[in-house]
Amino acid sequence: MAAPDLAQIPDVDIDCDGVFKYVLIRIHAAPPSGTRPGETDIYDKVSGEMQKQGYDCECLGGGRISHQSQDKKIHVYGYSMGYGRAQHSISTEKIKTRYPDYEVTWADDGY
């Protein structure tokens, strides 16, 4: 199956209100025979969807996201037990693009 335009894939997908685990994923065109199984529920879901569209995925790490929609605040922090710490600075730049009217912060502290 031919891969669709990468621009059609959203950079950010965050649930409303709460504290959630997250992973930073790099998506690229998959080799014709390439599949790469994931280790966590979030990564498995996204990588499975992307592989169906002809893309391969690579998990770059993870952490947690605290989303407070009423206060328009998102805080990215911590690390993933399975994938290690993502570069939260990259994640927050992607989030700021999707949520330009929010206060978006990050820290390496916490789990």
PDB file of N, CA and C in Angstrom:
ATOM      1  N   MET A   1       0.843  -1.170   0.000  1.00  0.00           N
ATOM      2  CA  MET A   1       0.000   0.000   0.000  1.00  0.00           C
ATOM      3  C   MET A   1       0.891   1.236   0.000  1.00  0.00           C
ATOM      4  N   ALA A   2       0.574   2.214  -0.842  1.00  0.00           N
ATOM      5  CA  ALA A   2       1.347   3.443  -0.906  1.00  0.00           C
ATOM      6  C   ALA A   2       1.071   4.307   0.316  1.00  0.00           C
ATOM      7  N   ALA A   3       2.107   4.933   0.818  1.00  0.00           N
ATOM      8  CA  ALA A   3       1.970   5.780   2.002  1.00  0.00           C
ATOM      9  C   ALA A   3       1.344   7.117   1.620  1.00  0.00           C
ATOM     10  N   PRO A   4       0.395   7.612   2.433  1.00  0.00           N
ATOM     11  CA  PRO A   4      -0.165   8.931   2.179  1.00  0.00           C
ATOM     12  C   PRO A   4       0.825  10.022   2.567  1.00  0.00           C
ATOM     13  N   ASP A   5       0.479  11.251   2.265  1.00  0.00           N
ATOM     14  CA  ASP A   5       1.318  12.400   2.597  1.00  0.00           C
ATOM     15  C   ASP A   5       1.496  12.505   4.108  1.00  0.00           C
ATOM     16  N   LEU A   6       2.740  12.616   4.577  1.00  0.00           N
ATOM     17  CA  LEU A   6       3.019  12.745   6.011  1.00  0.00           C
ATOM     18  C   LEU A   6       2.330  13.964   6.623  1.00  0.00           C
ATOM     19  N   ALA A   7       2.071  14.991   5.824  1.00  0.00           N
ATOM     20  CA  ALA A   7       1.417  16.195   6.338  1.00  0.00           C
ATOM     21  C   ALA A   7       0.002  15.911   6.831  1.00  0.00           C
ATOM     22  N   GLN A   8      -0.578  14.801   6.405  1.00  0.00           N
ATOM     23  CA  GLN A   8      -1.931  14.442   6.825  1.00  0.00           C
ATOM     24  C   GLN A   8      -1.965  13.803   8.215  1.00  0.00           C
ATOM     25  N   ILE A   9      -0.824  13.472   8.767  1.00  0.00           N
ATOM     26  CA  ILE A   9      -0.744  12.833  10.083  1.00  0.00           C
ATOM     27  C   ILE A   9      -0.556  13.926  11.132  1.00  0.00           C
ATOM     28  N   PRO A  10      -1.437  13.994  12.152  1.00  0.00           N
ATOM     29  CA  PRO A  10      -1.294  15.061  13.154  1.00  0.00           C
ATOM     30  C   PRO A  10      -0.007  14.916  13.964  1.00  0.00           C
ATOM     31  N   ASP A  11       0.623  16.057  14.272  1.00  0.00           N
ATOM     32  CA  ASP A  11       1.846  16.058  15.085  1.00  0.00           C
ATOM     33  C   ASP A  11       1.553  15.747  16.545  1.00  0.00           C
ATOM     34  N   VAL A  12       0.351  16.097  17.003  1.00  0.00           N
ATOM     35  CA  VAL A  12       0.004  15.988  18.413  1.00  0.00           C
ATOM     36  C   VAL A  12      -1.383  15.393  18.560  1.00  0.00           C
ATOM     37  N   ASP A  13      -1.525  14.466  19.522  1.00  0.00           N
ATOM     38  CA  ASP A  13      -2.830  13.894  19.859  1.00  0.00           C
ATOM     39  C   ASP A  13      -2.859  13.716  21.375  1.00  0.00           C
ATOM     40  N   ILE A  14      -3.567  14.619  22.065  1.00  0.00           N
ATOM     41  CA  ILE A  14      -3.635  14.604  23.527  1.00  0.00           C
ATOM     42  C   ILE A  14      -5.093  14.523  23.950  1.00  0.00           C
ATOM     43  N   ASP A  15      -5.395  13.639  24.905  1.00  0.00           N
ATOM     44  CA  ASP A  15      -6.741  13.566  25.472  1.00  0.00           C
ATOM     45  C   ASP A  15      -7.006  14.806  26.328  1.00  0.00           C
ATOM     46  N   CYS A  16      -8.295  15.077  26.554  1.00  0.00           N
ATOM     47  CA  CYS A  16      -8.686  16.219  27.389  1.00  0.00           C
ATOM     48  C   CYS A  16      -8.436  15.919  28.862  1.00  0.00           C
ATOM     49  N   ASP A  17      -8.023  16.916  29.587  1.00  0.00           N
ATOM     50  CA  ASP A  17      -7.890  16.929  31.042  1.00  0.00           C
ATOM     51  C   ASP A  17      -7.393  15.646  31.687  1.00  0.00           C
ATOM     52  N   GLY A  18      -6.317  15.774  32.427  1.00  0.00           N
ATOM     53  CA  GLY A  18      -5.779  14.660  33.183  1.00  0.00           C
ATOM     54  C   GLY A  18      -4.282  14.544  33.008  1.00  0.00           C
ATOM     55  N   VAL A  19      -3.744  13.483  33.588  1.00  0.00           N
ATOM     56  CA  VAL A  19      -2.323  13.173  33.463  1.00  0.00           C
ATOM     57  C   VAL A  19      -2.221  11.869  32.696  1.00  0.00           C
ATOM     58  N   PHE A  20      -1.410  11.870  31.631  1.00  0.00           N
ATOM     59  CA  PHE A  20      -1.326  10.733  30.731  1.00  0.00           C
ATOM     60  C   PHE A  20       0.126  10.377  30.455  1.00  0.00           C
ATOM     61  N   LYS A  21       0.359   9.121  30.159  1.00  0.00           N
ATOM     62  CA  LYS A  21       1.660   8.714  29.635  1.00  0.00           C
ATOM     63  C   LYS A  21       1.706   9.185  28.186  1.00  0.00           C
ATOM     64  N   TYR A  22       2.919   9.430  27.683  1.00  0.00           N
ATOM     65  CA  TYR A  22       3.049   9.780  26.276  1.00  0.00           C
ATOM     66  C   TYR A  22       4.336   9.192  25.723  1.00  0.00           C
ATOM     67  N   VAL A  23       4.379   9.082  24.405  1.00  0.00           N
ATOM     68  CA  VAL A  23       5.600   8.697  23.707  1.00  0.00           C
ATOM     69  C   VAL A  23       5.816   9.649  22.543  1.00  0.00           C
ATOM     70  N   LEU A  24       7.071   9.946  22.276  1.00  0.00           N
ATOM     71  CA  LEU A  24       7.482  10.737  21.122  1.00  0.00           C
ATOM     72  C   LEU A  24       7.871   9.744  20.038  1.00  0.00           C
ATOM     73  N   ILE A  25       7.198   9.824  18.903  1.00  0.00           N
ATOM     74  CA  ILE A  25       7.377   8.830  17.848  1.00  0.00           C
ATOM     75  C   ILE A  25       7.826   9.518  16.563  1.00  0.00           C
ATOM     76  N   ARG A  26       8.844   8.977  15.939  1.00  0.00           N
ATOM     77  CA  ARG A  26       9.262   9.428  14.614  1.00  0.00           C
ATOM     78  C   ARG A  26       8.605   8.501  13.600  1.00  0.00           C
ATOM     79  N   ILE A  27       7.941   9.092  12.614  1.00  0.00           N
ATOM     80  CA  ILE A  27       7.263   8.322  11.572  1.00  0.00           C
ATOM     81  C   ILE A  27       7.979   8.594  10.256  1.00  0.00           C
ATOM     82  N   HIS A  28       8.241   7.514   9.513  1.00  0.00           N
ATOM     83  CA  HIS A  28       8.898   7.653   8.217  1.00  0.00           C
ATOM     84  C   HIS A  28       8.399   6.549   7.298  1.00  0.00           C
ATOM     85  N   ALA A  29       8.671   6.687   6.017  1.00  0.00           N
ATOM     86  CA  ALA A  29       8.231   5.680   5.056  1.00  0.00           C
ATOM     87  C   ALA A  29       8.833   4.330   5.420  1.00  0.00           C
ATOM     88  N   ALA A  30       8.002   3.316   5.413  1.00  0.00           N
ATOM     89  CA  ALA A  30       8.450   1.972   5.791  1.00  0.00           C
ATOM     90  C   ALA A  30       9.068   1.259   4.605  1.00  0.00           C
ATOM     91  N   PRO A  31      10.078   0.449   4.858  1.00  0.00           N
ATOM     92  CA  PRO A  31      10.569  -0.420   3.790  1.00  0.00           C
ATOM     93  C   PRO A  31       9.460  -1.415   3.448  1.00  0.00           C
ATOM     94  N   PRO A  32       9.372  -1.875   2.215  1.00  0.00           N
ATOM     95  CA  PRO A  32       8.267  -2.744   1.802  1.00  0.00           C
ATOM     96  C   PRO A  32       8.024  -3.941   2.713  1.00  0.00           C
ATOM     97  N   SER A  33       9.064  -4.544   3.249  1.00  0.00           N
ATOM     98  CA  SER A  33       8.861  -5.729   4.084  1.00  0.00           C
ATOM     99  C   SER A  33       8.998  -5.430   5.569  1.00  0.00           C
ATOM    100  N   GLY A  34       9.192  -4.173   5.938  1.00  0.00           N
ATOM    101  CA  GLY A  34       9.516  -3.842   7.331  1.00  0.00           C
ATOM    102  C   GLY A  34       8.316  -3.734   8.253  1.00  0.00           C
ATOM    103  N   THR A  35       8.416  -4.405   9.371  1.00  0.00           N
ATOM    104  CA  THR A  35       7.480  -4.199  10.470  1.00  0.00           C
ATOM    105  C   THR A  35       8.288  -4.155  11.749  1.00  0.00           C
ATOM    106  N   ARG A  36       7.855  -3.387  12.692  1.00  0.00           N
ATOM    107  CA  ARG A  36       8.572  -3.266  13.951  1.00  0.00           C
ATOM    108  C   ARG A  36       7.549  -3.300  15.083  1.00  0.00           C
ATOM    109  N   PRO A  37       7.426  -4.409  15.800  1.00  0.00           N
ATOM    110  CA  PRO A  37       6.423  -4.481  16.861  1.00  0.00           C
ATOM    111  C   PRO A  37       6.741  -3.529  18.007  1.00  0.00           C
ATOM    112  N   GLY A  38       5.696  -2.984  18.625  1.00  0.00           N
ATOM    113  CA  GLY A  38       5.854  -2.067  19.746  1.00  0.00           C
ATOM    114  C   GLY A  38       5.839  -2.795  21.072  1.00  0.00           C
ATOM    115  N   GLU A  39       6.152  -2.059  22.156  1.00  0.00           N
ATOM    116  CA  GLU A  39       6.195  -2.670  23.475  1.00  0.00           C
ATOM    117  C   GLU A  39       5.123  -2.116  24.415  1.00  0.00           C
ATOM    118  N   THR A  40       4.513  -0.979  24.089  1.00  0.00           N
ATOM    119  CA  THR A  40       3.501  -0.410  24.973  1.00  0.00           C
ATOM    120  C   THR A  40       2.213  -0.167  24.211  1.00  0.00           C
ATOM    121  N   ASP A  41       1.126   0.016  24.952  1.00  0.00           N
ATOM    122  CA  ASP A  41      -0.182   0.207  24.329  1.00  0.00           C
ATOM    123  C   ASP A  41      -0.223   1.417  23.407  1.00  0.00           C
ATOM    124  N   ILE A  42       0.320   2.550  23.840  1.00  0.00           N
ATOM    125  CA  ILE A  42       0.278   3.767  23.026  1.00  0.00           C
ATOM    126  C   ILE A  42       1.060   3.545  21.738  1.00  0.00           C
ATOM    127  N   TYR A  43       2.282   3.070  21.872  1.00  0.00           N
ATOM    128  CA  TYR A  43       3.121   2.859  20.696  1.00  0.00           C
ATOM    129  C   TYR A  43       2.522   1.798  19.782  1.00  0.00           C
ATOM    130  N   ASP A  44       2.009   0.714  20.351  1.00  0.00           N
ATOM    131  CA  ASP A  44       1.384  -0.335  19.535  1.00  0.00           C
ATOM    132  C   ASP A  44       0.247   0.223  18.705  1.00  0.00           C
ATOM    133  N   LYS A  45      -0.590   1.048  19.320  1.00  0.00           N
ATOM    134  CA  LYS A  45      -1.735   1.617  18.609  1.00  0.00           C
ATOM    135  C   LYS A  45      -1.284   2.501  17.442  1.00  0.00           C
ATOM    136  N   VAL A  46      -0.396   3.451  17.734  1.00  0.00           N
ATOM    137  CA  VAL A  46       0.052   4.382  16.699  1.00  0.00           C
ATOM    138  C   VAL A  46       0.848   3.663  15.615  1.00  0.00           C
ATOM    139  N   SER A  47       1.783   2.812  16.006  1.00  0.00           N
ATOM    140  CA  SER A  47       2.609   2.141  14.996  1.00  0.00           C
ATOM    141  C   SER A  47       1.762   1.221  14.129  1.00  0.00           C
ATOM    142  N   GLY A  48       0.762   0.566  14.717  1.00  0.00           N
ATOM    143  CA  GLY A  48      -0.132  -0.288  13.934  1.00  0.00           C
ATOM    144  C   GLY A  48      -0.907   0.506  12.896  1.00  0.00           C
ATOM    145  N   GLU A  49      -1.427   1.659  13.313  1.00  0.00           N
ATOM    146  CA  GLU A  49      -2.156   2.525  12.376  1.00  0.00           C
ATOM    147  C   GLU A  49      -1.238   3.041  11.275  1.00  0.00           C
ATOM    148  N   MET A  50      -0.028   3.430  11.635  1.00  0.00           N
ATOM    149  CA  MET A  50       0.910   3.973  10.647  1.00  0.00           C
ATOM    150  C   MET A  50       1.392   2.900   9.682  1.00  0.00           C
ATOM    151  N   GLN A  51       1.618   1.683  10.175  1.00  0.00           N
ATOM    152  CA  GLN A  51       2.052   0.600   9.293  1.00  0.00           C
ATOM    153  C   GLN A  51       0.976   0.276   8.259  1.00  0.00           C
ATOM    154  N   LYS A  52      -0.292   0.348   8.647  1.00  0.00           N
ATOM    155  CA  LYS A  52      -1.389   0.130   7.692  1.00  0.00           C
ATOM    156  C   LYS A  52      -1.379   1.171   6.582  1.00  0.00           C
ATOM    157  N   GLN A  53      -0.842   2.364   6.889  1.00  0.00           N
ATOM    158  CA  GLN A  53      -0.778   3.440   5.905  1.00  0.00           C
ATOM    159  C   GLN A  53       0.545   3.454   5.144  1.00  0.00           C
ATOM    160  N   GLY A  54       1.416   2.484   5.424  1.00  0.00           N
ATOM    161  CA  GLY A  54       2.674   2.378   4.692  1.00  0.00           C
ATOM    162  C   GLY A  54       3.852   3.066   5.353  1.00  0.00           C
ATOM    163  N   TYR A  55       3.749   3.389   6.636  1.00  0.00           N
ATOM    164  CA  TYR A  55       4.837   4.040   7.358  1.00  0.00           C
ATOM    165  C   TYR A  55       5.442   3.100   8.393  1.00  0.00           C
ATOM    166  N   ASP A  56       6.678   3.391   8.765  1.00  0.00           N
ATOM    167  CA  ASP A  56       7.358   2.697   9.847  1.00  0.00           C
ATOM    168  C   ASP A  56       7.520   3.707  10.980  1.00  0.00           C
ATOM    169  N   CYS A  57       7.607   3.243  12.193  1.00  0.00           N
ATOM    170  CA  CYS A  57       7.717   4.127  13.355  1.00  0.00           C
ATOM    171  C   CYS A  57       8.924   3.761  14.200  1.00  0.00           C
ATOM    172  N   GLU A  58       9.401   4.755  14.932  1.00  0.00           N
ATOM    173  CA  GLU A  58      10.513   4.577  15.853  1.00  0.00           C
ATOM    174  C   GLU A  58      10.176   5.366  17.114  1.00  0.00           C
ATOM    175  N   CYS A  59      10.145   4.723  18.258  1.00  0.00           N
ATOM    176  CA  CYS A  59       9.852   5.412  19.511  1.00  0.00           C
ATOM    177  C   CYS A  59      11.121   6.079  20.014  1.00  0.00           C
ATOM    178  N   LEU A  60      11.035   7.383  20.285  1.00  0.00           N
ATOM    179  CA  LEU A  60      12.186   8.163  20.713  1.00  0.00           C
ATOM    180  C   LEU A  60      12.218   8.404  22.223  1.00  0.00           C
ATOM    181  N   GLY A  61      11.302   7.799  22.961  1.00  0.00           N
ATOM    182  CA  GLY A  61      11.234   7.972  24.410  1.00  0.00           C
ATOM    183  C   GLY A  61       9.841   8.414  24.807  1.00  0.00           C
ATOM    184  N   GLY A  62       9.658   8.665  26.092  1.00  0.00           N
ATOM    185  CA  GLY A  62       8.338   9.055  26.567  1.00  0.00           C
ATOM    186  C   GLY A  62       8.400   9.784  27.883  1.00  0.00           C
ATOM    187  N   GLY A  63       7.257   9.861  28.530  1.00  0.00           N
ATOM    188  CA  GLY A  63       7.123  10.553  29.800  1.00  0.00           C
ATOM    189  C   GLY A  63       5.657  10.681  30.133  1.00  0.00           C
ATOM    190  N   ARG A  64       5.304  11.799  30.740  1.00  0.00           N
ATOM    191  CA  ARG A  64       3.912  12.058  31.112  1.00  0.00           C
ATOM    192  C   ARG A  64       3.519  13.457  30.657  1.00  0.00           C
ATOM    193  N   ILE A  65       2.212  13.622  30.449  1.00  0.00           N
ATOM    194  CA  ILE A  65       1.647  14.916  30.093  1.00  0.00           C
ATOM    195  C   ILE A  65       0.511  15.208  31.053  1.00  0.00           C
ATOM    196  N   SER A  66       0.541  16.394  31.663  1.00  0.00           N
ATOM    197  CA  SER A  66      -0.566  16.887  32.476  1.00  0.00           C
ATOM    198  C   SER A  66      -1.287  17.947  31.653  1.00  0.00           C
ATOM    199  N   HIS A  67      -2.558  17.697  31.334  1.00  0.00           N
ATOM    200  CA  HIS A  67      -3.346  18.604  30.508  1.00  0.00           C
ATOM    201  C   HIS A  67      -4.477  19.187  31.353  1.00  0.00           C
ATOM    202  N   GLN A  68      -4.477  20.486  31.516  1.00  0.00           N
ATOM    203  CA  GLN A  68      -5.521  21.206  32.250  1.00  0.00           C
ATOM    204  C   GLN A  68      -6.190  22.174  31.287  1.00  0.00           C
ATOM    205  N   SER A  69      -7.243  21.701  30.604  1.00  0.00           N
ATOM    206  CA  SER A  69      -7.846  22.485  29.527  1.00  0.00           C
ATOM    207  C   SER A  69      -8.502  23.770  30.020  1.00  0.00           C
ATOM    208  N   GLN A  70      -9.118  23.757  31.191  1.00  0.00           N
ATOM    209  CA  GLN A  70      -9.755  24.990  31.685  1.00  0.00           C
ATOM    210  C   GLN A  70      -8.740  26.085  31.965  1.00  0.00           C
ATOM    211  N   ASP A  71      -7.562  25.701  32.443  1.00  0.00           N
ATOM    212  CA  ASP A  71      -6.496  26.669  32.708  1.00  0.00           C
ATOM    213  C   ASP A  71      -5.607  26.893  31.492  1.00  0.00           C
ATOM    214  N   LYS A  72      -5.841  26.122  30.431  1.00  0.00           N
ATOM    215  CA  LYS A  72      -5.026  26.184  29.211  1.00  0.00           C
ATOM    216  C   LYS A  72      -3.544  25.978  29.525  1.00  0.00           C
ATOM    217  N   LYS A  73      -3.283  24.870  30.235  1.00  0.00           N
ATOM    218  CA  LYS A  73      -1.911  24.531  30.608  1.00  0.00           C
ATOM    219  C   LYS A  73      -1.633  23.070  30.265  1.00  0.00           C
ATOM    220  N   ILE A  74      -0.433  22.841  29.739  1.00  0.00           N
ATOM    221  CA  ILE A  74       0.064  21.483  29.494  1.00  0.00           C
ATOM    222  C   ILE A  74       1.485  21.424  30.034  1.00  0.00           C
ATOM    223  N   HIS A  75       1.759  20.402  30.853  1.00  0.00           N
ATOM    224  CA  HIS A  75       3.098  20.214  31.407  1.00  0.00           C
ATOM    225  C   HIS A  75       3.590  18.823  31.021  1.00  0.00           C
ATOM    226  N   VAL A  76       4.780  18.747  30.434  1.00  0.00           N
ATOM    227  CA  VAL A  76       5.400  17.497  29.989  1.00  0.00           C
ATOM    228  C   VAL A  76       6.571  17.202  30.925  1.00  0.00           C
ATOM    229  N   TYR A  77       6.653  15.950  31.400  1.00  0.00           N
ATOM    230  CA  TYR A  77       7.694  15.635  32.380  1.00  0.00           C
ATOM    231  C   TYR A  77       7.942  14.131  32.451  1.00  0.00           C
ATOM    232  N   GLY A  78       8.946  13.751  33.222  1.00  0.00           N
ATOM    233  CA  GLY A  78       9.202  12.349  33.536  1.00  0.00           C
ATOM    234  C   GLY A  78       9.836  11.553  32.408  1.00  0.00           C
ATOM    235  N   TYR A  79       9.632  10.236  32.488  1.00  0.00           N
ATOM    236  CA  TYR A  79      10.248   9.331  31.524  1.00  0.00           C
ATOM    237  C   TYR A  79       9.385   8.083  31.375  1.00  0.00           C
ATOM    238  N   SER A  80       9.666   7.315  30.360  1.00  0.00           N
ATOM    239  CA  SER A  80       9.002   6.041  30.107  1.00  0.00           C
ATOM    240  C   SER A  80       9.879   4.924  30.651  1.00  0.00           C
ATOM    241  N   MET A  81       9.276   3.995  31.393  1.00  0.00           N
ATOM    242  CA  MET A  81      10.032   2.840  31.900  1.00  0.00           C
ATOM    243  C   MET A  81      10.560   1.984  30.740  1.00  0.00           C
ATOM    244  N   GLY A  82       9.784   1.851  29.684  1.00  0.00           N
ATOM    245  CA  GLY A  82      10.171   0.995  28.569  1.00  0.00           C
ATOM    246  C   GLY A  82      11.056   1.654  27.532  1.00  0.00           C
ATOM    247  N   TYR A  83      10.882   2.973  27.321  1.00  0.00           N
ATOM    248  CA  TYR A  83      11.586   3.662  26.239  1.00  0.00           C
ATOM    249  C   TYR A  83      12.551   4.736  26.715  1.00  0.00           C
ATOM    250  N   GLY A  84      12.582   5.024  28.000  1.00  0.00           N
ATOM    251  CA  GLY A  84      13.448   6.083  28.506  1.00  0.00           C
ATOM    252  C   GLY A  84      12.805   7.456  28.336  1.00  0.00           C
ATOM    253  N   ARG A  85      13.574   8.488  28.599  1.00  0.00           N
ATOM    254  CA  ARG A  85      13.069   9.853  28.548  1.00  0.00           C
ATOM    255  C   ARG A  85      13.094  10.390  27.117  1.00  0.00           C
ATOM    256  N   ALA A  86      11.973  10.957  26.697  1.00  0.00           N
ATOM    257  CA  ALA A  86      11.932  11.653  25.410  1.00  0.00           C
ATOM    258  C   ALA A  86      12.582  13.020  25.570  1.00  0.00           C
ATOM    259  N   GLN A  87      12.959  13.632  24.473  1.00  0.00           N
ATOM    260  CA  GLN A  87      13.429  15.017  24.524  1.00  0.00           C
ATOM    261  C   GLN A  87      12.184  15.887  24.657  1.00  0.00           C
ATOM    262  N   HIS A  88      11.854  16.260  25.904  1.00  0.00           N
ATOM    263  CA  HIS A  88      10.628  17.005  26.160  1.00  0.00           C
ATOM    264  C   HIS A  88      10.609  18.350  25.436  1.00  0.00           C
ATOM    265  N   SER A  89      11.771  18.908  25.156  1.00  0.00           N
ATOM    266  CA  SER A  89      11.813  20.182  24.423  1.00  0.00           C
ATOM    267  C   SER A  89      11.226  20.009  23.019  1.00  0.00           C
ATOM    268  N   ILE A  90      11.478  18.878  22.387  1.00  0.00           N
ATOM    269  CA  ILE A  90      10.898  18.601  21.061  1.00  0.00           C
ATOM    270  C   ILE A  90       9.396  18.410  21.190  1.00  0.00           C
ATOM    271  N   SER A  91       8.986  17.628  22.178  1.00  0.00           N
ATOM    272  CA  SER A  91       7.558  17.371  22.386  1.00  0.00           C
ATOM    273  C   SER A  91       6.804  18.667  22.645  1.00  0.00           C
ATOM    274  N   THR A  92       7.357  19.537  23.504  1.00  0.00           N
ATOM    275  CA  THR A  92       6.642  20.768  23.831  1.00  0.00           C
ATOM    276  C   THR A  92       6.559  21.711  22.632  1.00  0.00           C
ATOM    277  N   GLU A  93       7.562  21.719  21.765  1.00  0.00           N
ATOM    278  CA  GLU A  93       7.477  22.556  20.559  1.00  0.00           C
ATOM    279  C   GLU A  93       6.338  22.077  19.651  1.00  0.00           C
ATOM    280  N   LYS A  94       6.180  20.763  19.516  1.00  0.00           N
ATOM    281  CA  LYS A  94       5.065  20.210  18.738  1.00  0.00           C
ATOM    282  C   LYS A  94       3.731  20.576  19.385  1.00  0.00           C
ATOM    283  N   ILE A  95       3.666  20.484  20.709  1.00  0.00           N
ATOM    284  CA  ILE A  95       2.427  20.791  21.433  1.00  0.00           C
ATOM    285  C   ILE A  95       2.074  22.271  21.292  1.00  0.00           C
ATOM    286  N   LYS A  96       3.069  23.161  21.385  1.00  0.00           N
ATOM    287  CA  LYS A  96       2.823  24.598  21.252  1.00  0.00           C
ATOM    288  C   LYS A  96       2.225  24.943  19.892  1.00  0.00           C
ATOM    289  N   THR A  97       2.625  24.220  18.870  1.00  0.00           N
ATOM    290  CA  THR A  97       2.068  24.450  17.538  1.00  0.00           C
ATOM    291  C   THR A  97       0.589  24.067  17.498  1.00  0.00           C
ATOM    292  N   ARG A  98       0.250  22.968  18.148  1.00  0.00           N
ATOM    293  CA  ARG A  98      -1.147  22.484  18.180  1.00  0.00           C
ATOM    294  C   ARG A  98      -2.006  23.289  19.147  1.00  0.00           C
ATOM    295  N   TYR A  99      -1.409  23.785  20.250  1.00  0.00           N
ATOM    296  CA  TYR A  99      -2.110  24.539  21.285  1.00  0.00           C
ATOM    297  C   TYR A  99      -1.441  25.909  21.478  1.00  0.00           C
ATOM    298  N   PRO A 100      -1.541  26.810  20.501  1.00  0.00           N
ATOM    299  CA  PRO A 100      -0.810  28.081  20.574  1.00  0.00           C
ATOM    300  C   PRO A 100      -1.256  29.008  21.700  1.00  0.00           C
ATOM    301  N   ASP A 101      -2.476  28.851  22.194  1.00  0.00           N
ATOM    302  CA  ASP A 101      -2.977  29.722  23.257  1.00  0.00           C
ATOM    303  C   ASP A 101      -2.796  29.125  24.652  1.00  0.00           C
ATOM    304  N   TYR A 102      -2.008  28.046  24.755  1.00  0.00           N
ATOM    305  CA  TYR A 102      -1.758  27.375  26.039  1.00  0.00           C
ATOM    306  C   TYR A 102      -0.398  27.761  26.589  1.00  0.00           C
ATOM    307  N   GLU A 103      -0.264  27.646  27.895  1.00  0.00           N
ATOM    308  CA  GLU A 103       1.041  27.694  28.540  1.00  0.00           C
ATOM    309  C   GLU A 103       1.568  26.262  28.537  1.00  0.00           C
ATOM    310  N   VAL A 104       2.660  26.025  27.805  1.00  0.00           N
ATOM    311  CA  VAL A 104       3.215  24.670  27.675  1.00  0.00           C
ATOM    312  C   VAL A 104       4.607  24.677  28.293  1.00  0.00           C
ATOM    313  N   THR A 105       4.802  23.807  29.302  1.00  0.00           N
ATOM    314  CA  THR A 105       6.079  23.745  30.019  1.00  0.00           C
ATOM    315  C   THR A 105       6.574  22.294  30.061  1.00  0.00           C
ATOM    316  N   TRP A 106       7.844  22.153  30.404  1.00  0.00           N
ATOM    317  CA  TRP A 106       8.404  20.796  30.559  1.00  0.00           C
ATOM    318  C   TRP A 106       9.474  20.789  31.631  1.00  0.00           C
ATOM    319  N   ALA A 107       9.715  19.577  32.156  1.00  0.00           N
ATOM    320  CA  ALA A 107      10.775  19.347  33.138  1.00  0.00           C
ATOM    321  C   ALA A 107      11.205  17.888  33.037  1.00  0.00           C
ATOM    322  N   ASP A 108      12.443  17.608  33.382  1.00  0.00           N
ATOM    323  CA  ASP A 108      12.929  16.233  33.388  1.00  0.00           C
ATOM    324  C   ASP A 108      12.608  15.528  34.704  1.00  0.00           C
ATOM    325  N   ASP A 109      12.115  16.252  35.689  1.00  0.00           N
ATOM    326  CA  ASP A 109      11.805  15.685  36.998  1.00  0.00           C
ATOM    327  C   ASP A 109      10.615  14.730  36.924  1.00  0.00           C
ATOM    328  N   GLY A 110      10.551  13.844  37.905  1.00  0.00           N
ATOM    329  CA  GLY A 110       9.378  12.970  38.065  1.00  0.00           C
ATOM    330  C   GLY A 110       9.399  11.748  37.186  1.00  0.00           C
ATOM    331  N   TYR A 111       8.375  10.927  37.398  1.00  0.00           N
ATOM    332  CA  TYR A 111       8.202   9.713  36.608  1.00  0.00           C
ATOM    333  C   TYR A 111       6.959   9.812  35.839  1.00  0.00           C
TER     334      TYR A 111
END
